[in-house]
């Protein structure tokens, strides 16, 4: 967000800014969603919605799992949330107690750490590397468990910031390992639908005893609608709804009613994926040509995570230089990795293709 603010200030002066820092789709919500929203505004009073989520949307989400994963999910197990962020808060509150040891990968989305710490959990970092595909392994879990019993694990596939994925076999083995030891798993799947060459596996394919978080913000291109969902075990539905009733009430009624139409908009949404795929190729090729060739494979999401340690000692300072000298806004790795993040930069390729092309053009002319 600091990079975002600095980029905004530069843009306000009229200077060129190449936005490669924010993970927000360039596109608006699908046309079908917008049309349904207009209809709802004209015909519905828009009172409070069910804390559980409106029935029609929960049924549509359940049908989505049958369509995409060939899984039958009881709509009762679906809880609609105020974005994925609201979903994480509810999942963490329901799954973990103060003092619980919860493992998560480093690098990883910083809000996991911040939310867990705010709720009194002990965050246990799993220090992953490119050789691990920046994903958890049984060996890392064993090492963490040996230092004190783990109570929880957060997994993310595809990952922010690395774009890496857990393959189906590894995911299954990790979930089995956790089940044997009573480790509760929260699985972040908000980038499902945005993958390149392979389809991700949902944790629900291997266990019903997991808490899955998803969102309408990424694949469905509905960031400002602030709408997500959880799929949880039956015994978690009631406590999660009680937390929601006290903290958030139900998600926005208009967003819920409009989002039902999102599942009929895949043709339009697949068009966005075509652009992301093209942007990804341009960015990967351009970064390598510019001498940034130590890259996570970017299997999903819309990020490339680059090791910059061979050209700079500090990604924070490097990103500040790029913004000042080139007008390129990119994200230092420090939020994602408080240990080694100064060695990495995250680039986002969810913007326009012309933006990606201009960014790699400028980087190709830059010298440290």
Protein backbone atom coordinates (compact mmCIF):
# COMPACT_ATOMS: atom_id res chain seq x y z
CA UNK A 1 0.00 0.00 0.00
CA UNK A 2 2.94 2.35 0.59
CA UNK A 3 4.12 1.67 -2.95
CA UNK A 4 0.57 2.24 -4.18
CA UNK A 5 0.43 5.61 -2.41
CA UNK A 6 3.83 6.65 -3.78
CA UNK A 7 2.70 5.70 -7.29
CA UNK A 8 -0.50 7.70 -6.86
CA UNK A 9 1.48 10.78 -5.79
CA UNK A 10 3.77 10.47 -8.79
CA UNK A 11 0.81 10.03 -11.15
CA UNK A 12 -0.80 13.16 -9.69
CA UNK A 13 2.16 15.20 -10.96
CA UNK A 14 1.52 14.00 -14.51
CA UNK A 15 4.61 11.77 -14.59
CA UNK A 16 4.43 8.35 -16.22
CA UNK A 17 3.64 5.47 -13.84
CA UNK A 18 3.74 1.80 -14.86
CA UNK A 19 1.53 -0.02 -12.37
CA UNK A 20 3.00 -3.45 -11.66
CA UNK A 21 2.39 -3.40 -7.91
CA UNK A 22 -1.29 -4.05 -7.18
CA UNK A 23 -3.11 -7.37 -7.42
CA UNK A 24 -6.36 -5.89 -8.68
CA UNK A 25 -7.92 -6.92 -11.99
CA UNK A 26 -8.06 -4.18 -14.59
CA UNK A 27 -11.57 -5.22 -15.59
CA UNK A 28 -14.93 -4.47 -14.02
CA UNK A 29 -17.37 -7.10 -12.82
CA UNK A 30 -18.84 -9.32 -15.55
CA UNK A 31 -21.63 -7.79 -17.58
CA UNK A 32 -24.16 -10.28 -16.27
CA UNK A 33 -23.38 -9.27 -12.68
CA UNK A 34 -23.78 -5.59 -13.47
CA UNK A 35 -27.07 -6.18 -15.28
CA UNK A 36 -28.43 -8.17 -12.36
CA UNK A 37 -27.30 -5.44 -9.93
CA UNK A 38 -29.26 -2.83 -11.91
CA UNK A 39 -32.32 -5.08 -11.82
CA UNK A 40 -32.00 -5.59 -8.06
CA UNK A 41 -31.64 -1.85 -7.46
CA UNK A 42 -34.84 -1.24 -9.40
CA UNK A 43 -36.91 -3.97 -7.80
CA UNK A 44 -35.62 -4.84 -4.31
CA UNK A 45 -35.63 -2.85 -1.07
CA UNK A 46 -32.16 -4.20 -0.15
CA UNK A 47 -32.62 -4.93 3.51
CA UNK A 48 -30.26 -6.97 5.66
CA UNK A 49 -29.27 -10.28 4.10
CA UNK A 50 -28.92 -13.58 5.92
CA UNK A 51 -25.70 -13.85 7.92
CA UNK A 52 -25.28 -17.29 6.39
CA UNK A 53 -25.60 -15.85 2.87
CA UNK A 54 -28.66 -15.77 0.65
CA UNK A 55 -29.82 -19.25 -0.30
CA UNK A 56 -29.63 -18.63 -4.05
CA UNK A 57 -25.96 -17.63 -3.84
CA UNK A 58 -24.98 -20.50 -1.55
CA UNK A 59 -26.64 -22.90 -3.95
CA UNK A 60 -24.79 -21.33 -6.89
CA UNK A 61 -21.46 -21.66 -5.06
CA UNK A 62 -22.20 -25.33 -4.28
CA UNK A 63 -23.06 -25.91 -7.96
CA UNK A 64 -19.73 -24.27 -8.86
CA UNK A 65 -17.88 -27.01 -6.95
CA UNK A 66 -19.78 -29.67 -8.84
CA UNK A 67 -19.07 -27.93 -12.15
CA UNK A 68 -15.36 -27.23 -11.61
CA UNK A 69 -14.22 -30.02 -9.28
CA UNK A 70 -16.92 -32.69 -9.62
CA UNK A 71 -17.55 -32.37 -5.88
CA UNK A 72 -20.90 -32.41 -4.16
CA UNK A 73 -20.96 -29.68 -1.50
CA UNK A 74 -23.94 -29.16 0.78
CA UNK A 75 -24.98 -25.47 0.46
CA UNK A 76 -25.40 -25.45 4.25
CA UNK A 77 -21.60 -25.73 4.55
CA UNK A 78 -21.15 -22.57 2.46
CA UNK A 79 -20.94 -19.30 4.42
CA UNK A 80 -20.88 -16.08 2.38
CA UNK A 81 -18.43 -13.52 3.76
CA UNK A 82 -17.36 -9.89 3.47
CA UNK A 83 -14.58 -10.66 1.02
CA UNK A 84 -11.91 -13.27 1.59
CA UNK A 85 -10.50 -11.02 4.32
CA UNK A 86 -13.71 -11.35 6.32
CA UNK A 87 -13.62 -15.07 5.60
CA UNK A 88 -10.14 -15.45 7.06
CA UNK A 89 -11.08 -13.57 10.19
CA UNK A 90 -14.08 -15.83 10.77
CA UNK A 91 -12.14 -19.01 9.93
CA UNK A 92 -9.26 -18.12 12.25
CA UNK A 93 -11.62 -17.17 15.09
CA UNK A 94 -13.50 -20.45 14.77
CA UNK A 95 -10.54 -22.76 14.20
CA UNK A 96 -7.89 -21.46 16.61
CA UNK A 97 -7.58 -20.40 20.23
CA UNK A 98 -5.16 -18.02 21.92
CA UNK A 99 -1.72 -19.60 22.02
CA UNK A 100 -2.37 -22.11 19.23
CA UNK A 101 0.65 -22.72 17.01
CA UNK A 102 -0.36 -22.09 13.39
CA UNK A 103 2.12 -22.72 10.58
CA UNK A 104 2.23 -20.82 7.33
CA UNK A 105 4.70 -20.43 4.50
CA UNK A 106 7.21 -17.64 4.16
CA UNK A 107 6.96 -15.87 1.76
CA UNK A 108 3.21 -15.50 2.00
CA UNK A 109 0.30 -13.11 2.19
CA UNK A 110 1.09 -10.86 5.19
CA UNK A 111 -2.49 -10.53 6.45
CA UNK A 112 -2.47 -14.19 7.54
CA UNK A 113 0.35 -13.44 9.97
CA UNK A 114 -1.11 -10.15 11.11
CA UNK A 115 -4.61 -11.50 11.70
CA UNK A 116 -3.41 -14.60 13.52
CA UNK A 117 -1.12 -12.57 15.77
CA UNK A 118 -3.90 -10.09 16.49
CA UNK A 119 -6.08 -13.01 17.58
CA UNK A 120 -3.39 -14.31 19.92
CA UNK A 121 -2.14 -17.28 17.92
CA UNK A 122 1.55 -18.11 17.63
CA UNK A 123 2.63 -17.92 14.00
CA UNK A 124 5.09 -20.65 13.04
CA UNK A 125 6.99 -19.73 9.85
CA UNK A 126 7.74 -22.44 7.30
CA UNK A 127 10.81 -21.04 5.55
CA UNK A 128 10.29 -22.18 1.97
CA UNK A 129 12.64 -21.75 -0.99
CA UNK A 130 12.39 -21.88 -4.75
CA UNK A 131 13.51 -25.51 -4.50
CA UNK A 132 10.34 -26.17 -2.45
CA UNK A 133 8.34 -24.21 -5.03
CA UNK A 134 7.72 -21.79 -2.14
CA UNK A 135 5.16 -24.26 -0.82
CA UNK A 136 5.00 -26.30 2.40
CA UNK A 137 6.55 -29.76 2.51
CA UNK A 138 6.18 -32.67 4.90
CA UNK A 139 9.80 -32.13 5.95
CA UNK A 140 9.14 -28.49 6.91
CA UNK A 141 6.01 -29.49 8.80
CA UNK A 142 7.89 -32.21 10.66
CA UNK A 143 10.57 -29.73 11.68
CA UNK A 144 7.98 -27.23 12.93
CA UNK A 145 5.98 -29.94 14.73
CA UNK A 146 9.13 -31.20 16.47
CA UNK A 147 9.55 -27.78 18.08
CA UNK A 148 6.04 -27.94 19.55
CA UNK A 149 2.78 -29.51 18.45
CA UNK A 150 1.13 -27.62 15.61
CA UNK A 151 -2.54 -26.74 15.93
CA UNK A 152 -3.08 -25.25 12.49
CA UNK A 153 -1.75 -24.74 8.99
CA UNK A 154 -2.63 -22.15 6.35
CA UNK A 155 -2.02 -23.22 2.75
CA UNK A 156 -2.36 -21.11 -0.38
CA UNK A 157 -2.46 -22.48 -3.90
CA UNK A 158 -1.96 -20.56 -6.15
CA UNK A 159 0.08 -18.37 -3.85
CA UNK A 160 0.42 -14.65 -3.36
CA UNK A 161 3.19 -13.47 -3.89
CA UNK A 162 4.88 -16.35 -5.69
CA UNK A 163 2.15 -17.70 -7.97
CA UNK A 164 3.26 -21.25 -7.14
CA UNK A 165 0.90 -24.16 -6.60
CA UNK A 166 0.66 -27.35 -4.60
CA UNK A 167 0.31 -30.33 -6.89
CA UNK A 168 -2.53 -32.72 -6.11
CA UNK A 169 -0.33 -35.47 -4.65
CA UNK A 170 1.56 -33.11 -2.34
CA UNK A 171 -1.64 -31.44 -1.18
CA UNK A 172 -3.17 -34.82 -0.41
CA UNK A 173 -0.12 -35.93 1.58
CA UNK A 174 -0.04 -32.67 3.58
CA UNK A 175 -3.74 -32.92 4.44
CA UNK A 176 -3.29 -36.56 5.48
CA UNK A 177 -0.32 -35.58 7.67
CA UNK A 178 -2.41 -32.86 9.31
CA UNK A 179 -5.40 -35.15 9.83
CA UNK A 180 -3.25 -37.72 11.64
CA UNK A 181 -2.04 -35.06 14.09
CA UNK A 182 -5.23 -33.07 14.54
CA UNK A 183 -3.84 -30.02 12.74
CA UNK A 184 -6.67 -27.82 11.44
CA UNK A 185 -6.13 -26.62 7.86
CA UNK A 186 -7.32 -23.34 6.34
CA UNK A 187 -6.92 -23.37 2.55
CA UNK A 188 -6.81 -20.09 0.61
CA UNK A 189 -8.13 -20.77 -2.90
CA UNK A 190 -8.94 -17.24 -4.05
CA UNK A 191 -6.80 -17.51 -7.19
CA UNK A 192 -8.51 -20.64 -8.49
CA UNK A 193 -9.47 -20.07 -12.10
CA UNK A 194 -6.27 -18.12 -12.75
CA UNK A 195 -3.75 -20.82 -13.64
CA UNK A 196 -1.43 -21.45 -16.57
CA UNK A 197 -1.03 -24.98 -17.85
CA UNK A 198 -2.57 -26.92 -14.99
CA UNK A 199 -5.73 -26.80 -12.89
CA UNK A 200 -5.48 -26.50 -9.11
CA UNK A 201 -6.95 -29.04 -6.74
CA UNK A 202 -9.27 -27.86 -4.01
CA UNK A 203 -8.45 -29.11 -0.54
CA UNK A 204 -12.07 -30.32 -0.37
CA UNK A 205 -11.14 -33.05 -2.85
CA UNK A 206 -9.04 -34.67 -0.13
CA UNK A 207 -10.88 -33.83 3.08
CA UNK A 208 -14.18 -32.44 4.37
CA UNK A 209 -12.43 -31.42 7.58
CA UNK A 210 -10.82 -28.26 6.15
CA UNK A 211 -11.86 -24.62 5.99
CA UNK A 212 -11.66 -23.33 2.42
CA UNK A 213 -11.62 -19.61 1.65
CA UNK A 214 -12.52 -18.19 -1.75
CA UNK A 215 -13.52 -14.84 -3.20
CA UNK A 216 -15.23 -13.07 -6.05
CA UNK A 217 -12.35 -10.57 -6.26
CA UNK A 218 -9.78 -12.27 -8.49
CA UNK A 219 -11.09 -14.65 -11.16
CA UNK A 220 -14.56 -13.07 -11.02
CA UNK A 221 -13.07 -9.53 -11.17
CA UNK A 222 -15.30 -8.14 -8.41
CA UNK A 223 -12.84 -6.55 -5.97
CA UNK A 224 -14.95 -3.59 -4.83
CA UNK A 225 -18.04 -5.73 -4.30
CA UNK A 226 -16.33 -7.16 -1.17
CA UNK A 227 -17.71 -10.66 -1.38
CA UNK A 228 -16.18 -14.03 -0.59
CA UNK A 229 -17.16 -17.39 0.81
CA UNK A 230 -16.11 -20.21 3.10
CA UNK A 231 -16.76 -23.92 2.77
CA UNK A 232 -16.42 -25.41 6.24
CA UNK A 233 -17.19 -28.64 8.13
CA UNK A 234 -20.76 -28.88 9.41
CA UNK A 235 -19.73 -28.29 13.01
CA UNK A 236 -18.10 -24.97 12.07
CA UNK A 237 -21.16 -23.40 10.45
CA UNK A 238 -22.90 -22.36 13.67
CA UNK A 239 -19.87 -20.85 15.47
CA UNK A 240 -18.81 -18.98 12.35
CA UNK A 241 -22.29 -17.53 11.94
CA UNK A 242 -22.28 -16.45 15.60
CA UNK A 243 -18.96 -14.67 15.12
CA UNK A 244 -20.31 -13.03 11.96
CA UNK A 245 -23.48 -11.91 13.72
CA UNK A 246 -21.43 -10.10 16.35
CA UNK A 247 -18.68 -8.69 14.14
CA UNK A 248 -19.90 -8.18 10.59
CA UNK A 249 -23.55 -9.13 10.10
CA UNK A 250 -24.19 -10.44 6.60
CA UNK A 251 -22.29 -9.39 3.47
CA UNK A 252 -23.68 -6.64 1.29
CA UNK A 253 -27.12 -7.62 0.02
CA UNK A 254 -26.67 -6.08 -3.43
CA UNK A 255 -23.33 -7.83 -3.92
CA UNK A 256 -24.80 -11.18 -2.96
CA UNK A 257 -27.83 -10.92 -5.19
CA UNK A 258 -25.77 -9.74 -8.16
CA UNK A 259 -23.03 -12.35 -7.67
CA UNK A 260 -25.43 -15.19 -8.42
CA UNK A 261 -25.05 -14.20 -12.08
CA UNK A 262 -21.23 -14.48 -11.96
CA UNK A 263 -21.34 -18.23 -12.48
CA UNK A 264 -23.01 -17.70 -15.87
CA UNK A 265 -20.22 -15.39 -17.07
CA UNK A 266 -17.34 -17.82 -17.61
CA UNK A 267 -16.97 -17.00 -21.30
CA UNK A 268 -16.23 -13.36 -20.48
CA UNK A 269 -14.01 -14.31 -17.56
CA UNK A 270 -12.00 -16.75 -19.64
CA UNK A 271 -11.26 -13.84 -21.95
CA UNK A 272 -9.52 -12.13 -19.02
CA UNK A 273 -7.47 -15.28 -18.48
CA UNK A 274 -6.30 -15.12 -22.09
CA UNK A 275 -4.96 -11.62 -21.43
CA UNK A 276 -3.30 -12.68 -18.19
CA UNK A 277 -1.65 -15.57 -19.99
CA UNK A 278 -0.26 -13.24 -22.66
CA UNK A 279 0.87 -10.69 -20.04
CA UNK A 280 2.60 -13.42 -18.06
CA UNK A 281 4.65 -14.50 -21.04
CA UNK A 282 5.66 -10.91 -21.82
CA UNK A 283 6.68 -10.24 -18.22
CA UNK A 284 8.62 -13.49 -17.73
CA UNK A 285 10.49 -13.04 -21.00
CA UNK A 286 11.11 -9.35 -20.34
CA UNK A 287 12.42 -9.88 -16.82
CA UNK A 288 14.81 -12.57 -17.99
CA UNK A 289 16.05 -10.32 -20.78
CA UNK A 290 16.63 -7.57 -18.21
CA UNK A 291 18.80 -9.90 -16.13
CA UNK A 292 16.14 -10.87 -13.60
CA UNK A 293 16.14 -14.59 -14.27
CA UNK A 294 15.73 -16.03 -10.77
CA UNK A 295 11.95 -16.28 -10.90
CA UNK A 296 9.26 -18.35 -9.23
CA UNK A 297 7.44 -20.28 -11.97
CA UNK A 298 4.19 -18.22 -11.78
CA UNK A 299 1.93 -21.23 -12.19
CA UNK A 300 -1.15 -19.31 -11.10
CA UNK A 301 -2.52 -15.99 -9.80
CA UNK A 302 -1.09 -12.94 -11.61
CA UNK A 303 2.30 -12.39 -9.98
CA UNK A 304 5.95 -13.00 -10.72
CA UNK A 305 8.23 -13.21 -7.68
CA UNK A 306 11.79 -12.29 -8.61
CA UNK A 307 15.05 -12.72 -6.71
CA UNK A 308 16.91 -9.40 -7.05
CA UNK A 309 19.75 -10.14 -4.62
CA UNK A 310 22.32 -10.26 -7.44
CA UNK A 311 21.62 -6.64 -8.43
CA UNK A 312 20.65 -4.94 -5.14
CA UNK A 313 20.95 -5.36 -1.39
CA UNK A 314 17.47 -3.99 -0.67
CA UNK A 315 14.27 -4.53 -2.61
CA UNK A 316 12.75 -1.57 -0.75
CA UNK A 317 15.47 0.75 -2.02
CA UNK A 318 15.40 -0.85 -5.47
CA UNK A 319 11.65 -0.37 -5.89
CA UNK A 320 11.98 3.24 -4.75
CA UNK A 321 14.67 3.78 -7.41
CA UNK A 322 12.59 2.13 -10.13
CA UNK A 323 9.62 4.35 -9.30
CA UNK A 324 11.78 7.48 -9.21
CA UNK A 325 13.97 6.75 -12.24
CA UNK A 326 11.66 4.68 -14.48
CA UNK A 327 8.17 5.28 -13.18
CA UNK A 328 7.76 1.55 -12.50
CA UNK A 329 5.78 0.65 -9.38
CA UNK A 330 6.64 -2.83 -8.08
CA UNK A 331 6.29 -4.35 -4.62
CA UNK A 332 9.24 -5.14 -2.33
CA UNK A 333 9.19 -8.61 -0.82
CA UNK A 334 9.42 -7.36 2.75
CA UNK A 335 5.73 -7.65 3.65
CA UNK A 336 5.56 -11.17 2.24
CA UNK A 337 8.80 -12.25 3.91
CA UNK A 338 10.02 -10.37 7.00
CA UNK A 339 13.19 -12.48 7.02
CA UNK A 340 14.54 -12.47 3.47
CA UNK A 341 12.11 -10.17 1.69
CA UNK A 342 14.73 -7.57 0.85
CA UNK A 343 16.00 -10.10 -1.72
CA UNK A 344 12.74 -10.24 -3.67
CA UNK A 345 10.32 -8.10 -5.68
CA UNK A 346 6.76 -9.00 -6.67
CA UNK A 347 5.50 -7.90 -10.08
CA UNK A 348 1.80 -8.03 -10.95
CA UNK A 349 0.68 -8.72 -14.54
CA UNK A 350 -3.06 -8.22 -14.14
CA UNK A 351 -3.02 -4.80 -15.82
CA UNK A 352 -3.19 -3.92 -19.49
CA UNK A 353 -0.84 -5.61 -21.94
CA UNK A 354 0.53 -2.24 -23.01
CA UNK A 355 1.50 -1.59 -19.38
CA UNK A 356 3.43 -4.86 -19.15
CA UNK A 357 5.16 -4.19 -22.46
CA UNK A 358 6.17 -0.69 -21.38
CA UNK A 359 7.43 -1.97 -18.03
CA UNK A 360 9.78 -4.57 -19.50
CA UNK A 361 10.93 -2.06 -22.13
CA UNK A 362 11.98 0.36 -19.39
CA UNK A 363 13.63 -2.35 -17.30
CA UNK A 364 15.67 -3.49 -20.29
CA UNK A 365 17.30 -0.04 -20.46
CA UNK A 366 18.01 0.27 -16.74
CA UNK A 367 21.36 -0.47 -15.17
CA UNK A 368 21.95 -0.92 -11.42
